[in-house]
Protein backbone atom coordinates (compact mmCIF):
# COMPACT_ATOMS: atom_id res chain seq x y z
CA UNK A 1 -3.06 23.77 -4.90
CA UNK A 2 -1.99 20.06 -3.70
CA UNK A 3 -2.11 17.94 -6.97
CA UNK A 4 -2.92 14.11 -6.00
CA UNK A 5 -2.24 11.17 -8.84
CA UNK A 6 -6.16 8.69 -7.65
CA UNK A 7 -5.47 4.90 -8.74
CA UNK A 8 -8.06 2.91 -9.67
CA UNK A 9 -8.21 -0.90 -10.64
CA UNK A 10 -10.84 -2.39 -12.76
CA UNK A 11 -12.69 1.50 -12.87
CA UNK A 12 -13.23 1.54 -9.07
CA UNK A 13 -11.38 3.11 -6.23
CA UNK A 14 -9.68 1.42 -3.74
CA UNK A 15 -8.31 2.38 0.15
CA UNK A 16 -5.26 3.69 -0.89
CA UNK A 17 -7.28 6.17 -3.70
CA UNK A 18 -8.64 7.77 -0.73
CA UNK A 19 -6.30 7.39 1.59
CA UNK A 20 -4.15 9.49 -1.32
CA UNK A 21 -6.70 12.18 -1.13
CA UNK A 22 -7.06 12.14 2.52
CA UNK A 23 -3.08 12.62 2.55
CA UNK A 24 -3.36 15.19 -0.14
CA UNK A 25 -5.97 17.37 2.19
CA UNK A 26 -4.41 17.29 5.41
CA UNK A 27 -1.17 18.79 3.34
CA UNK A 28 -3.30 21.26 1.76
CA UNK A 29 -5.09 22.46 4.64
CA UNK A 30 -1.51 23.01 6.44
CA UNK A 31 -0.95 25.26 3.39
CA UNK A 32 -4.22 27.02 2.70
CA UNK A 33 -4.89 25.70 -0.51
CA UNK A 34 -6.75 23.14 -2.59
CA UNK A 35 -7.05 19.98 -3.61
CA UNK A 36 -7.00 18.35 -7.33
CA UNK A 37 -7.47 14.71 -8.12
CA UNK A 38 -6.70 13.26 -11.59
CA UNK A 39 -8.30 10.59 -11.91
CA UNK A 40 -8.52 7.76 -14.89
CA UNK A 41 -11.64 8.49 -17.22
CA UNK A 42 -12.83 5.27 -17.24
CA UNK A 43 -13.14 5.50 -12.82
CA UNK A 44 -16.71 4.83 -11.70
CA UNK A 45 -18.44 7.70 -9.41
CA UNK A 46 -15.15 10.02 -9.34
CA UNK A 47 -17.30 13.02 -7.64
CA UNK A 48 -17.10 10.08 -4.62
CA UNK A 49 -13.74 11.52 -4.02
CA UNK A 50 -15.12 14.88 -2.30
CA UNK A 51 -15.68 13.43 0.39
CA UNK A 52 -11.94 12.80 1.15
CA UNK A 53 -11.32 16.57 0.31
CA UNK A 54 -10.84 16.47 -3.48
CA UNK A 55 -11.90 19.70 -4.75
CA UNK A 56 -11.35 19.54 -8.09
CA UNK A 57 -11.37 16.38 -10.05
CA UNK A 58 -9.58 16.54 -13.04
CA UNK A 59 -10.86 12.84 -15.45
CA UNK A 60 -8.50 12.74 -18.45
CA UNK A 61 -7.51 9.31 -21.02
CA UNK A 62 -4.58 7.93 -18.83
CA UNK A 63 -1.52 6.46 -20.59
CA UNK A 64 -1.42 2.90 -19.74
CA UNK A 65 2.05 2.47 -17.88
CA UNK A 66 3.61 5.24 -14.75
CA UNK A 67 5.96 6.31 -16.80
CA UNK A 68 3.25 7.72 -19.29
CA UNK A 69 1.17 9.21 -16.69
CA UNK A 70 3.91 11.00 -14.87
CA UNK A 71 4.51 13.01 -18.09
CA UNK A 72 0.95 13.21 -18.36
CA UNK A 73 1.20 14.90 -14.94
CA UNK A 74 4.31 17.16 -15.53
CA UNK A 75 1.77 19.35 -17.63
CA UNK A 76 -0.75 19.85 -14.70
CA UNK A 77 2.00 20.34 -12.21
CA UNK A 78 1.84 24.12 -12.87
CA UNK A 79 0.59 26.32 -10.01
CA UNK A 80 0.84 22.96 -7.15
CA UNK A 81 2.74 23.43 -4.14
CA UNK A 82 3.32 19.36 -3.78
CA UNK A 83 2.28 16.12 -5.61
CA UNK A 84 1.03 13.33 -3.41
CA UNK A 85 0.92 9.39 -4.92
CA UNK A 86 0.66 6.23 -3.22
CA UNK A 87 3.34 3.81 -3.10
CA UNK A 88 1.55 1.30 -5.34
CA UNK A 89 3.34 -0.61 -8.23
CA UNK A 90 1.93 2.01 -11.11
CA UNK A 91 3.50 5.07 -8.48
CA UNK A 92 6.69 3.54 -8.25
CA UNK A 93 7.20 4.11 -11.54
CA UNK A 94 5.30 7.55 -11.73
CA UNK A 95 6.94 9.49 -8.28
CA UNK A 96 10.40 8.77 -9.50
CA UNK A 97 10.04 9.75 -13.14
CA UNK A 98 7.70 12.72 -12.19
CA UNK A 99 10.18 14.11 -10.05
CA UNK A 100 13.13 13.40 -12.61
CA UNK A 101 11.14 15.43 -14.93
CA UNK A 102 10.10 18.55 -13.21
CA UNK A 103 13.41 18.71 -11.24
CA UNK A 104 11.14 17.94 -8.26
CA UNK A 105 12.50 17.12 -4.45
CA UNK A 106 11.16 13.44 -4.16
CA UNK A 107 10.27 11.41 -0.46
CA UNK A 108 9.72 7.42 -1.24
CA UNK A 109 8.31 4.92 1.60
CA UNK A 110 6.71 7.89 3.25
CA UNK A 111 5.25 7.55 6.47
CA UNK A 112 3.80 10.41 7.40
CA UNK A 113 1.55 13.03 6.43
CA UNK A 114 3.63 16.99 6.27
CA UNK A 115 4.84 18.11 9.72
CA UNK A 116 5.97 21.41 8.33
CA UNK A 117 6.36 23.90 5.36
CA UNK A 118 8.82 25.34 3.66
CA UNK A 119 10.22 23.10 3.54
CA UNK A 120 8.42 20.28 3.44
CA UNK A 121 8.88 17.78 6.28
CA UNK A 122 7.88 14.02 6.30
CA UNK A 123 9.30 10.85 7.67
CA UNK A 124 9.67 7.45 5.51
CA UNK A 125 11.05 4.25 6.28
CA UNK A 126 15.19 3.44 5.74
CA UNK A 127 17.07 0.81 6.01
CA UNK A 128 14.01 -1.73 5.30
CA UNK A 129 11.90 0.11 7.44
CA UNK A 130 14.30 -0.46 10.48
CA UNK A 131 14.21 3.11 10.61
CA UNK A 132 12.90 6.21 10.40
CA UNK A 133 14.31 9.05 8.40
CA UNK A 134 13.13 12.64 8.76
CA UNK A 135 13.39 13.80 5.06
CA UNK A 136 13.00 17.81 4.11
CA UNK A 137 11.98 18.18 0.71
CA UNK A 138 14.28 21.63 -0.61
CA UNK A 139 14.91 22.58 -3.97
CA UNK A 140 11.95 21.57 -6.01
CA UNK A 141 8.30 20.71 -6.59
CA UNK A 142 7.80 18.35 -2.82
CA UNK A 143 6.77 15.03 -4.27
CA UNK A 144 5.20 12.65 -2.15
CA UNK A 145 4.95 8.78 -2.92
CA UNK A 146 3.40 7.24 0.57
CA UNK A 147 3.39 3.23 1.89
CA UNK A 148 -0.54 2.48 1.47
CA UNK A 149 -2.10 1.29 4.67
CA UNK A 150 0.26 3.53 6.71
CA UNK A 151 -1.16 7.04 7.07
CA UNK A 152 -5.43 6.42 7.21
CA UNK A 153 -8.03 7.91 5.60
CA UNK A 154 -9.68 11.35 7.27
CA UNK A 155 -13.19 12.53 5.84
CA UNK A 156 -13.26 15.49 5.39
CA UNK A 157 -15.55 16.86 1.95
CA UNK A 158 -14.15 18.73 -0.36
CA UNK A 159 -15.78 21.38 -3.01
CA UNK A 160 -15.62 17.75 -5.68
CA UNK A 161 -15.84 19.47 -8.75
CA UNK A 162 -15.55 17.57 -11.78
CA UNK A 163 -13.72 18.74 -15.24
CA UNK A 164 -12.59 16.43 -18.15
CA UNK A 165 -9.14 17.13 -18.65
CA UNK A 166 -6.75 16.74 -21.79
CA UNK A 167 -2.80 16.23 -21.14
CA UNK A 168 -0.99 13.41 -23.59
CA UNK A 169 1.61 11.13 -22.13
CA UNK A 170 4.26 9.14 -23.84
CA UNK A 171 4.47 6.02 -23.02
CA UNK A 172 8.17 4.58 -22.11
CA UNK A 173 7.03 1.01 -22.45
CA UNK A 174 5.11 -1.55 -23.77
CA UNK A 175 2.13 -3.20 -21.53
CA UNK A 176 2.26 -6.78 -23.51
CA UNK A 177 0.17 -8.65 -20.77
CA UNK A 178 -1.47 -7.52 -17.61
CA UNK A 179 -2.27 -10.49 -14.57
CA UNK A 180 -4.25 -9.18 -12.20
CA UNK A 181 -3.64 -11.47 -8.85
CA UNK A 182 -7.00 -12.88 -7.48
CA UNK A 183 -8.39 -12.64 -4.50
CA UNK A 184 -10.90 -11.02 -1.83
CA UNK A 185 -8.53 -8.55 0.12
CA UNK A 186 -5.87 -6.97 -1.69
CA UNK A 187 -2.06 -7.05 0.10
CA UNK A 188 -1.33 -3.52 0.14
CA UNK A 189 -4.59 -2.49 1.79
CA UNK A 190 -4.94 -5.37 4.26
CA UNK A 191 -5.81 -4.88 7.86
CA UNK A 192 -5.09 -8.50 8.63
CA UNK A 193 -2.70 -10.86 6.74
CA UNK A 194 -2.66 -14.20 7.36
CA UNK A 195 0.90 -15.55 6.02
CA UNK A 196 2.61 -19.18 6.17
CA UNK A 197 5.73 -20.55 5.15
CA UNK A 198 7.60 -23.77 4.20
CA UNK A 199 6.56 -25.23 7.80
CA UNK A 200 2.94 -25.79 6.17
CA UNK A 201 5.39 -28.73 4.36
CA UNK A 202 3.35 -28.08 0.89
CA UNK A 203 0.71 -26.56 -1.27
CA UNK A 204 -1.70 -29.09 -0.43
CA UNK A 205 -1.86 -27.88 3.04
CA UNK A 206 -2.93 -24.13 2.18
CA UNK A 207 -6.65 -24.72 2.68
CA UNK A 208 -6.19 -24.14 6.71
CA UNK A 209 -4.26 -21.05 6.22
CA UNK A 210 -7.13 -19.60 3.48
CA UNK A 211 -9.96 -21.13 5.83
CA UNK A 212 -8.49 -18.96 8.92
CA UNK A 213 -8.17 -15.76 6.40
CA UNK A 214 -11.74 -16.52 5.25
CA UNK A 215 -12.54 -16.09 9.33
CA UNK A 216 -10.70 -12.83 9.82
CA UNK A 217 -11.15 -11.38 6.47
CA UNK A 218 -7.51 -11.24 5.76
CA UNK A 219 -5.49 -11.48 3.09
CA UNK A 220 -3.04 -14.35 2.22
CA UNK A 221 0.49 -14.67 2.10
CA UNK A 222 3.72 -16.17 2.13
CA UNK A 223 7.98 -16.18 2.50
CA UNK A 224 9.96 -16.05 -0.73
CA UNK A 225 10.92 -19.82 -0.78
CA UNK A 226 7.19 -20.66 -0.99
CA UNK A 227 6.83 -18.25 -3.60
CA UNK A 228 9.93 -19.54 -5.47
CA UNK A 229 9.04 -22.78 -5.73
CA UNK A 230 5.65 -22.62 -6.88
CA UNK A 231 3.75 -23.27 -3.93
CA UNK A 232 1.99 -19.80 -3.55
CA UNK A 233 1.52 -17.00 -6.19
CA UNK A 234 4.46 -14.71 -6.90
CA UNK A 235 1.52 -11.49 -5.68
CA UNK A 236 1.41 -13.37 -2.13
CA UNK A 237 5.20 -12.96 -1.31
CA UNK A 238 5.91 -10.35 1.53
CA UNK A 239 9.50 -9.08 2.52
CA UNK A 240 12.20 -7.14 1.39
CA UNK A 241 11.98 -8.04 -2.58
CA UNK A 242 7.85 -8.62 -2.10
CA UNK A 243 5.12 -7.06 -0.97
CA UNK A 244 5.44 -4.29 1.94
CA UNK A 245 2.44 -4.69 4.04
CA UNK A 246 1.65 -2.16 7.18
CA UNK A 247 -1.50 -4.50 8.62
CA UNK A 248 -2.81 -4.34 12.00
CA UNK A 249 -2.95 -7.45 12.55
CA UNK A 250 0.21 -9.64 11.21
CA UNK A 251 0.25 -13.92 11.50
CA UNK A 252 3.04 -16.11 10.18
CA UNK A 253 2.57 -19.46 10.76
CA UNK A 254 5.64 -21.70 10.56
CA UNK A 255 7.89 -18.92 8.92
CA UNK A 256 11.07 -18.80 10.70
CA UNK A 257 11.99 -14.91 10.24
CA UNK A 258 14.72 -14.30 7.65
CA UNK A 259 15.62 -10.65 7.94
CA UNK A 260 14.54 -9.81 4.84
CA UNK A 261 10.97 -11.10 5.38
CA UNK A 262 10.81 -9.44 8.56
CA UNK A 263 11.52 -6.18 6.67
CA UNK A 264 8.70 -6.47 4.85
CA UNK A 265 6.37 -6.60 8.00
CA UNK A 266 8.38 -4.56 10.60
CA UNK A 267 5.38 -1.84 10.09
CA UNK A 268 2.79 -4.32 11.06
CA UNK A 269 0.70 -2.97 14.34
CA UNK A 270 0.70 -6.43 16.25
CA UNK A 271 2.17 -9.53 14.93
CA UNK A 272 1.50 -13.19 15.71
CA UNK A 273 4.28 -15.80 15.41
CA UNK A 274 3.05 -19.81 15.65
CA UNK A 275 6.60 -22.11 14.74
CA UNK A 276 7.08 -25.29 16.64
CA UNK A 277 11.27 -23.97 17.08
CA UNK A 278 11.34 -21.66 20.11
CA UNK A 279 14.46 -19.81 18.47
CA UNK A 280 12.62 -18.92 15.39
CA UNK A 281 14.07 -15.11 14.96
CA UNK A 282 10.13 -14.00 14.03
CA UNK A 283 9.47 -14.95 17.75
CA UNK A 284 11.83 -11.60 18.91
CA UNK A 285 9.55 -9.79 16.57
CA UNK A 286 7.00 -10.52 17.90
CA UNK A 287 4.19 -9.45 19.92
CA UNK A 288 2.96 -12.66 20.56
CA UNK A 289 4.24 -15.93 20.00
CA UNK A 290 2.83 -20.07 19.84
CA UNK A 291 5.09 -22.85 20.11
CA UNK A 292 3.23 -25.44 18.53
CA UNK A 293 2.69 -27.24 15.43
CA UNK A 294 0.33 -25.47 13.03
CA UNK A 295 -1.43 -28.31 11.71
CA UNK A 296 -2.51 -28.46 15.38
CA UNK A 297 -2.85 -25.04 16.01
CA UNK A 298 -4.39 -23.45 13.20
CA UNK A 299 -7.63 -25.49 13.03
CA UNK A 300 -8.38 -24.71 16.65
CA UNK A 301 -7.70 -21.04 16.18
CA UNK A 302 -9.97 -21.89 13.53
CA UNK A 303 -12.62 -23.36 15.72
CA UNK A 304 -12.32 -20.83 18.22
CA UNK A 305 -13.28 -17.35 15.98
CA UNK A 306 -16.06 -19.18 14.81
CA UNK A 307 -17.52 -19.73 18.01
CA UNK A 308 -16.61 -16.22 18.75
CA UNK A 309 -17.97 -14.41 15.69
CA UNK A 310 -21.04 -16.88 16.60
CA UNK A 311 -21.83 -15.87 20.08
CA UNK A 312 -21.30 -12.11 19.03
């Protein structure tokens, strides 16, 4: 079997949840085996995972930290041909901890499903995602932590048997307080991201960024300097030291394009840059560029997009 940890947020599954099961299904079909999904017993409608390829769905009382969940999964990997974990905040702790516990062969920042077995071969982003590394997972249980929104979802029904499991886990850390970022669209799974930088001149001008994001059904984001000075929350910071995003469309407004920022957004399928400086580094990475004042360009974009949506 391929064991997959399926995360839920506020008892609900999100895109990364289904992407993880879909990844496991693709791998299992290559290996000629089934998919076993492990979920919290608080998750709503666990049987819905069958739609994406889960054959067995084990619900259990999960530990409160990634390290604790890793110790629970370590007790469940007997007979597994591989393990799949989404590279979320929890997954980034869970995967390496599990690998250490079971002497596994780990690939993080993975951007492909396996292209071969024995050993399992996958691709991953390297050098801050500027390069692609082909990795052969040998010498231990293959464990793959993939970049959310990089693989995609394929619906392929599994048998979907739901069972209750009992696996104890020891939390190595204590969670004192959990702060949940608010917003309509979560950054890691957003198909469209509207991001802005210091070119907005102040937090009072973010209304047009949120309006543009609302029209596009997008998530809002920002550069590191913006979050550092408190204009926007750190949960919106994208870049090498922030959240890595992989949307179909990334719109950068008033962001110069420092290499650290580009490292976190370079996997975007299409990049649009809006800046008053024609020499801004972002234009070299962008697919489309607009040299202009954001306070002129963005309102006009909103107006045109609203008119387009109304006509269609």
